[in-house]
Amino acid sequence: MDTATKQRRRTAAVARGKNGSNPRVAAEFAAGSLEAEPSAIGKAVPTREWAKVPADYFANLDHYLHGAPKKK
């Protein structure tokens, strides 16, 4: 059974997000590949901070985030 629905026009106030952001503008990202963005963020972190990350961090992510048993 098909029902006809009338689409409402979105006013400028409705189109804005709850926090006042404009979703059309917020969706625009800087140019660059997917690999380049995290790499640029990683380069911004000082070396002494990277030294604090455990060597098995990524292998045992669930342990460090949620307290799950460590994998061997």
PDB file of N, CA and C in Angstrom:
ATOM      1  N   MET A   1       0.848  -1.172   0.000  1.00  0.00           N
ATOM      2  CA  MET A   1       0.000   0.000   0.000  1.00  0.00           C
ATOM      3  C   MET A   1       0.897   1.241   0.000  1.00  0.00           C
ATOM      4  N   ASP A   2       0.768   2.019  -1.007  1.00  0.00           N
ATOM      5  CA  ASP A   2       1.559   3.245  -1.117  1.00  0.00           C
ATOM      6  C   ASP A   2       0.807   4.399  -0.468  1.00  0.00           C
ATOM      7  N   THR A   3       1.535   5.165   0.282  1.00  0.00           N
ATOM      8  CA  THR A   3       0.938   6.359   0.877  1.00  0.00           C
ATOM      9  C   THR A   3       1.691   7.575   0.372  1.00  0.00           C
ATOM     10  N   ALA A   4       0.951   8.578   0.090  1.00  0.00           N
ATOM     11  CA  ALA A   4       1.561   9.821  -0.376  1.00  0.00           C
ATOM     12  C   ALA A   4       1.959  10.642   0.840  1.00  0.00           C
ATOM     13  N   THR A   5       3.181  11.089   0.835  1.00  0.00           N
ATOM     14  CA  THR A   5       3.636  11.943   1.930  1.00  0.00           C
ATOM     15  C   THR A   5       4.069  13.277   1.362  1.00  0.00           C
ATOM     16  N   LYS A   6       3.727  14.295   2.059  1.00  0.00           N
ATOM     17  CA  LYS A   6       4.096  15.633   1.644  1.00  0.00           C
ATOM     18  C   LYS A   6       5.423  15.982   2.305  1.00  0.00           C
ATOM     19  N   GLN A   7       6.397  16.292   1.484  1.00  0.00           N
ATOM     20  CA  GLN A   7       7.682  16.670   2.042  1.00  0.00           C
ATOM     21  C   GLN A   7       7.654  18.128   2.462  1.00  0.00           C
ATOM     22  N   ARG A   8       8.198  18.377   3.643  1.00  0.00           N
ATOM     23  CA  ARG A   8       8.240  19.747   4.142  1.00  0.00           C
ATOM     24  C   ARG A   8       9.539  20.407   3.714  1.00  0.00           C
ATOM     25  N   ARG A   9       9.477  21.681   3.521  1.00  0.00           N
ATOM     26  CA  ARG A   9      10.687  22.445   3.231  1.00  0.00           C
ATOM     27  C   ARG A   9      11.415  22.696   4.533  1.00  0.00           C
ATOM     28  N   ARG A  10      12.715  22.587   4.467  1.00  0.00           N
ATOM     29  CA  ARG A  10      13.518  22.847   5.656  1.00  0.00           C
ATOM     30  C   ARG A  10      13.845  24.330   5.716  1.00  0.00           C
ATOM     31  N   THR A  11      13.534  24.928   6.814  1.00  0.00           N
ATOM     32  CA  THR A  11      13.889  26.330   7.004  1.00  0.00           C
ATOM     33  C   THR A  11      15.354  26.402   7.400  1.00  0.00           C
ATOM     34  N   ALA A  12      15.905  27.569   7.375  1.00  0.00           N
ATOM     35  CA  ALA A  12      17.312  27.748   7.743  1.00  0.00           C
ATOM     36  C   ALA A  12      17.556  27.311   9.180  1.00  0.00           C
ATOM     37  N   ALA A  13      16.611  27.572  10.072  1.00  0.00           N
ATOM     38  CA  ALA A  13      16.770  27.181  11.478  1.00  0.00           C
ATOM     39  C   ALA A  13      16.743  25.669  11.628  1.00  0.00           C
ATOM     40  N   VAL A  14      15.911  24.987  10.877  1.00  0.00           N
ATOM     41  CA  VAL A  14      15.821  23.533  10.955  1.00  0.00           C
ATOM     42  C   VAL A  14      17.037  22.891  10.311  1.00  0.00           C
ATOM     43  N   ALA A  15      17.562  23.496   9.255  1.00  0.00           N
ATOM     44  CA  ALA A  15      18.713  22.933   8.559  1.00  0.00           C
ATOM     45  C   ALA A  15      19.968  22.968   9.415  1.00  0.00           C
ATOM     46  N   ARG A  16      20.072  23.912  10.331  1.00  0.00           N
ATOM     47  CA  ARG A  16      21.219  23.976  11.226  1.00  0.00           C
ATOM     48  C   ARG A  16      21.121  22.863  12.245  1.00  0.00           C
ATOM     49  N   GLY A  17      22.250  22.364  12.663  1.00  0.00           N
ATOM     50  CA  GLY A  17      22.267  21.325  13.682  1.00  0.00           C
ATOM     51  C   GLY A  17      21.877  21.885  15.035  1.00  0.00           C
ATOM     52  N   LYS A  18      21.706  20.994  16.008  1.00  0.00           N
ATOM     53  CA  LYS A  18      21.323  21.424  17.353  1.00  0.00           C
ATOM     54  C   LYS A  18      22.362  22.346  17.979  1.00  0.00           C
ATOM     55  N   ASN A  19      23.624  22.139  17.608  1.00  0.00           N
ATOM     56  CA  ASN A  19      24.679  22.970  18.187  1.00  0.00           C
ATOM     57  C   ASN A  19      24.948  24.215  17.352  1.00  0.00           C
ATOM     58  N   GLY A  20      24.107  24.478  16.362  1.00  0.00           N
ATOM     59  CA  GLY A  20      24.252  25.677  15.550  1.00  0.00           C
ATOM     60  C   GLY A  20      25.140  25.496  14.338  1.00  0.00           C
ATOM     61  N   SER A  21      25.672  24.276  14.145  1.00  0.00           N
ATOM     62  CA  SER A  21      26.545  24.047  13.003  1.00  0.00           C
ATOM     63  C   SER A  21      25.717  23.884  11.732  1.00  0.00           C
ATOM     64  N   ASN A  22      26.345  24.128  10.627  1.00  0.00           N
ATOM     65  CA  ASN A  22      25.694  23.953   9.343  1.00  0.00           C
ATOM     66  C   ASN A  22      26.236  22.666   8.733  1.00  0.00           C
ATOM     67  N   PRO A  23      25.424  21.595   8.634  1.00  0.00           N
ATOM     68  CA  PRO A  23      25.935  20.319   8.155  1.00  0.00           C
ATOM     69  C   PRO A  23      26.520  20.377   6.751  1.00  0.00           C
ATOM     70  N   ARG A  24      26.039  21.262   5.926  1.00  0.00           N
ATOM     71  CA  ARG A  24      26.562  21.353   4.561  1.00  0.00           C
ATOM     72  C   ARG A  24      28.008  21.847   4.568  1.00  0.00           C
ATOM     73  N   VAL A  25      28.335  22.746   5.471  1.00  0.00           N
ATOM     74  CA  VAL A  25      29.684  23.273   5.562  1.00  0.00           C
ATOM     75  C   VAL A  25      30.580  22.308   6.332  1.00  0.00           C
ATOM     76  N   ALA A  26      30.053  21.673   7.376  1.00  0.00           N
ATOM     77  CA  ALA A  26      30.844  20.789   8.223  1.00  0.00           C
ATOM     78  C   ALA A  26      31.327  19.547   7.476  1.00  0.00           C
ATOM     79  N   ALA A  27      30.663  19.157   6.408  1.00  0.00           N
ATOM     80  CA  ALA A  27      31.023  17.941   5.689  1.00  0.00           C
ATOM     81  C   ALA A  27      32.231  18.141   4.774  1.00  0.00           C
ATOM     82  N   GLU A  28      32.683  19.358   4.593  1.00  0.00           N
ATOM     83  CA  GLU A  28      33.830  19.606   3.723  1.00  0.00           C
ATOM     84  C   GLU A  28      35.125  19.321   4.465  1.00  0.00           C
ATOM     85  N   PHE A  29      35.988  18.535   3.837  1.00  0.00           N
ATOM     86  CA  PHE A  29      37.264  18.175   4.435  1.00  0.00           C
ATOM     87  C   PHE A  29      38.396  18.701   3.576  1.00  0.00           C
ATOM     88  N   ALA A  30      39.547  18.813   4.188  1.00  0.00           N
ATOM     89  CA  ALA A  30      40.730  19.236   3.457  1.00  0.00           C
ATOM     90  C   ALA A  30      41.144  18.142   2.482  1.00  0.00           C
ATOM     91  N   ALA A  31      41.777  18.531   1.399  1.00  0.00           N
ATOM     92  CA  ALA A  31      42.229  17.566   0.413  1.00  0.00           C
ATOM     93  C   ALA A  31      43.364  16.733   0.996  1.00  0.00           C
ATOM     94  N   GLY A  32      43.453  15.490   0.574  1.00  0.00           N
ATOM     95  CA  GLY A  32      44.518  14.606   1.045  1.00  0.00           C
ATOM     96  C   GLY A  32      44.024  13.182   1.100  1.00  0.00           C
ATOM     97  N   SER A  33      44.948  12.251   1.047  1.00  0.00           N
ATOM     98  CA  SER A  33      44.563  10.847   1.079  1.00  0.00           C
ATOM     99  C   SER A  33      44.265  10.424   2.509  1.00  0.00           C
ATOM    100  N   LEU A  34      43.654   9.269   2.633  1.00  0.00           N
ATOM    101  CA  LEU A  34      43.298   8.743   3.940  1.00  0.00           C
ATOM    102  C   LEU A  34      44.541   8.469   4.783  1.00  0.00           C
ATOM    103  N   GLU A  35      45.603   8.051   4.149  1.00  0.00           N
ATOM    104  CA  GLU A  35      46.836   7.763   4.875  1.00  0.00           C
ATOM    105  C   GLU A  35      47.561   9.041   5.303  1.00  0.00           C
ATOM    106  N   ALA A  36      47.415  10.094   4.532  1.00  0.00           N
ATOM    107  CA  ALA A  36      48.137  11.337   4.814  1.00  0.00           C
ATOM    108  C   ALA A  36      47.612  12.043   6.067  1.00  0.00           C
ATOM    109  N   GLU A  37      46.324  11.975   6.309  1.00  0.00           N
ATOM    110  CA  GLU A  37      45.741  12.684   7.448  1.00  0.00           C
ATOM    111  C   GLU A  37      46.236  12.123   8.786  1.00  0.00           C
ATOM    112  N   PRO A  38      46.114  10.815   9.057  1.00  0.00           N
ATOM    113  CA  PRO A  38      46.638  10.310  10.334  1.00  0.00           C
ATOM    114  C   PRO A  38      48.158  10.481  10.449  1.00  0.00           C
ATOM    115  N   SER A  39      48.850  10.393   9.329  1.00  0.00           N
ATOM    116  CA  SER A  39      50.293  10.573   9.346  1.00  0.00           C
ATOM    117  C   SER A  39      50.650  11.986   9.798  1.00  0.00           C
ATOM    118  N   ALA A  40      49.923  12.969   9.316  1.00  0.00           N
ATOM    119  CA  ALA A  40      50.171  14.359   9.708  1.00  0.00           C
ATOM    120  C   ALA A  40      49.875  14.564  11.189  1.00  0.00           C
ATOM    121  N   ILE A  41      48.829  13.910  11.688  1.00  0.00           N
ATOM    122  CA  ILE A  41      48.497  14.018  13.110  1.00  0.00           C
ATOM    123  C   ILE A  41      49.598  13.369  13.942  1.00  0.00           C
ATOM    124  N   GLY A  42      50.065  12.192  13.497  1.00  0.00           N
ATOM    125  CA  GLY A  42      51.124  11.488  14.219  1.00  0.00           C
ATOM    126  C   GLY A  42      52.420  12.262  14.276  1.00  0.00           C
ATOM    127  N   LYS A  43      52.723  12.985  13.210  1.00  0.00           N
ATOM    128  CA  LYS A  43      53.950  13.783  13.185  1.00  0.00           C
ATOM    129  C   LYS A  43      53.865  14.981  14.126  1.00  0.00           C
ATOM    130  N   ALA A  44      52.648  15.407  14.454  1.00  0.00           N
ATOM    131  CA  ALA A  44      52.467  16.546  15.341  1.00  0.00           C
ATOM    132  C   ALA A  44      52.681  16.168  16.814  1.00  0.00           C
ATOM    133  N   VAL A  45      52.648  14.859  17.114  1.00  0.00           N
ATOM    134  CA  VAL A  45      52.843  14.400  18.494  1.00  0.00           C
ATOM    135  C   VAL A  45      54.339  14.336  18.780  1.00  0.00           C
ATOM    136  N   PRO A  46      54.794  14.914  19.900  1.00  0.00           N
ATOM    137  CA  PRO A  46      56.221  14.884  20.233  1.00  0.00           C
ATOM    138  C   PRO A  46      56.730  13.450  20.436  1.00  0.00           C
ATOM    139  N   THR A  47      57.998  13.223  20.140  1.00  0.00           N
ATOM    140  CA  THR A  47      58.615  11.905  20.241  1.00  0.00           C
ATOM    141  C   THR A  47      58.540  11.361  21.663  1.00  0.00           C
ATOM    142  N   ARG A  48      58.701  12.218  22.657  1.00  0.00           N
ATOM    143  CA  ARG A  48      58.657  11.739  24.052  1.00  0.00           C
ATOM    144  C   ARG A  48      57.275  11.205  24.416  1.00  0.00           C
ATOM    145  N   GLU A  49      56.232  11.715  23.770  1.00  0.00           N
ATOM    146  CA  GLU A  49      54.879  11.202  24.019  1.00  0.00           C
ATOM    147  C   GLU A  49      54.680   9.846  23.342  1.00  0.00           C
ATOM    148  N   TRP A  50      55.235   9.673  22.127  1.00  0.00           N
ATOM    149  CA  TRP A  50      55.151   8.375  21.438  1.00  0.00           C
ATOM    150  C   TRP A  50      55.895   7.308  22.231  1.00  0.00           C
ATOM    151  N   ALA A  51      56.948   7.697  22.943  1.00  0.00           N
ATOM    152  CA  ALA A  51      57.722   6.740  23.737  1.00  0.00           C
ATOM    153  C   ALA A  51      56.898   6.175  24.893  1.00  0.00           C
ATOM    154  N   LYS A  52      55.875   6.873  25.336  1.00  0.00           N
ATOM    155  CA  LYS A  52      55.019   6.411  26.425  1.00  0.00           C
ATOM    156  C   LYS A  52      54.016   5.342  25.987  1.00  0.00           C
ATOM    157  N   VAL A  53      53.799   5.198  24.695  1.00  0.00           N
ATOM    158  CA  VAL A  53      52.840   4.217  24.179  1.00  0.00           C
ATOM    159  C   VAL A  53      53.467   2.825  24.284  1.00  0.00           C
ATOM    160  N   PRO A  54      52.785   1.862  24.917  1.00  0.00           N
ATOM    161  CA  PRO A  54      53.345   0.514  25.034  1.00  0.00           C
ATOM    162  C   PRO A  54      53.597  -0.100  23.662  1.00  0.00           C
ATOM    163  N   ALA A  55      54.626  -0.934  23.571  1.00  0.00           N
ATOM    164  CA  ALA A  55      54.988  -1.556  22.295  1.00  0.00           C
ATOM    165  C   ALA A  55      53.875  -2.466  21.764  1.00  0.00           C
ATOM    166  N   ASP A  56      53.094  -3.069  22.676  1.00  0.00           N
ATOM    167  CA  ASP A  56      52.022  -3.970  22.250  1.00  0.00           C
ATOM    168  C   ASP A  56      50.641  -3.293  22.262  1.00  0.00           C
ATOM    169  N   TYR A  57      50.631  -1.982  22.190  1.00  0.00           N
ATOM    170  CA  TYR A  57      49.370  -1.231  22.298  1.00  0.00           C
ATOM    171  C   TYR A  57      48.337  -1.670  21.274  1.00  0.00           C
ATOM    172  N   PHE A  58      48.720  -1.746  20.028  1.00  0.00           N
ATOM    173  CA  PHE A  58      47.741  -2.052  18.984  1.00  0.00           C
ATOM    174  C   PHE A  58      47.325  -3.516  19.016  1.00  0.00           C
ATOM    175  N   ALA A  59      48.220  -4.414  19.400  1.00  0.00           N
ATOM    176  CA  ALA A  59      47.873  -5.834  19.504  1.00  0.00           C
ATOM    177  C   ALA A  59      46.926  -6.074  20.684  1.00  0.00           C
ATOM    178  N   ASN A  60      47.053  -5.274  21.728  1.00  0.00           N
ATOM    179  CA  ASN A  60      46.236  -5.434  22.938  1.00  0.00           C
ATOM    180  C   ASN A  60      45.348  -4.221  23.188  1.00  0.00           C
ATOM    181  N   LEU A  61      44.784  -3.681  22.148  1.00  0.00           N
ATOM    182  CA  LEU A  61      43.946  -2.487  22.259  1.00  0.00           C
ATOM    183  C   LEU A  61      42.789  -2.696  23.222  1.00  0.00           C
ATOM    184  N   ASP A  62      42.137  -3.870  23.157  1.00  0.00           N
ATOM    185  CA  ASP A  62      41.017  -4.133  24.063  1.00  0.00           C
ATOM    186  C   ASP A  62      41.460  -4.144  25.524  1.00  0.00           C
ATOM    187  N   HIS A  63      42.668  -4.604  25.781  1.00  0.00           N
ATOM    188  CA  HIS A  63      43.181  -4.604  27.148  1.00  0.00           C
ATOM    189  C   HIS A  63      43.360  -3.173  27.660  1.00  0.00           C
ATOM    190  N   TYR A  64      43.968  -2.326  26.841  1.00  0.00           N
ATOM    191  CA  TYR A  64      44.255  -0.961  27.278  1.00  0.00           C
ATOM    192  C   TYR A  64      43.008  -0.078  27.329  1.00  0.00           C
ATOM    193  N   LEU A  65      42.016  -0.363  26.505  1.00  0.00           N
ATOM    194  CA  LEU A  65      40.810   0.455  26.512  1.00  0.00           C
ATOM    195  C   LEU A  65      39.745  -0.077  27.469  1.00  0.00           C
ATOM    196  N   HIS A  66      39.601  -1.430  27.526  1.00  0.00           N
ATOM    197  CA  HIS A  66      38.468  -1.999  28.254  1.00  0.00           C
ATOM    198  C   HIS A  66      38.872  -2.952  29.379  1.00  0.00           C
ATOM    199  N   GLY A  67      40.172  -3.237  29.529  1.00  0.00           N
ATOM    200  CA  GLY A  67      40.608  -4.112  30.603  1.00  0.00           C
ATOM    201  C   GLY A  67      40.502  -5.588  30.283  1.00  0.00           C
ATOM    202  N   ALA A  68      40.354  -5.954  29.022  1.00  0.00           N
ATOM    203  CA  ALA A  68      40.281  -7.360  28.634  1.00  0.00           C
ATOM    204  C   ALA A  68      41.646  -8.009  28.858  1.00  0.00           C
ATOM    205  N   PRO A  69      41.687  -9.341  28.987  1.00  0.00           N
ATOM    206  CA  PRO A  69      42.995 -10.004  29.142  1.00  0.00           C
ATOM    207  C   PRO A  69      43.897  -9.720  27.947  1.00  0.00           C
ATOM    208  N   LYS A  70      45.198  -9.619  28.226  1.00  0.00           N
ATOM    209  CA  LYS A  70      46.165  -9.381  27.149  1.00  0.00           C
ATOM    210  C   LYS A  70      46.297 -10.594  26.249  1.00  0.00           C
ATOM    211  N   LYS A  71      46.510 -10.345  24.966  1.00  0.00           N
ATOM    212  CA  LYS A  71      46.787 -11.415  24.006  1.00  0.00           C
ATOM    213  C   LYS A  71      48.285 -11.674  24.024  1.00  0.00           C
ATOM    214  N   LYS A  72      48.673 -12.872  23.712  1.00  0.00           N
ATOM    215  CA  LYS A  72      50.115 -13.200  23.712  1.00  0.00           C
ATOM    216  C   LYS A  72      50.708 -13.033  22.362  1.00  0.00           C
TER     217      LYS A  72
END
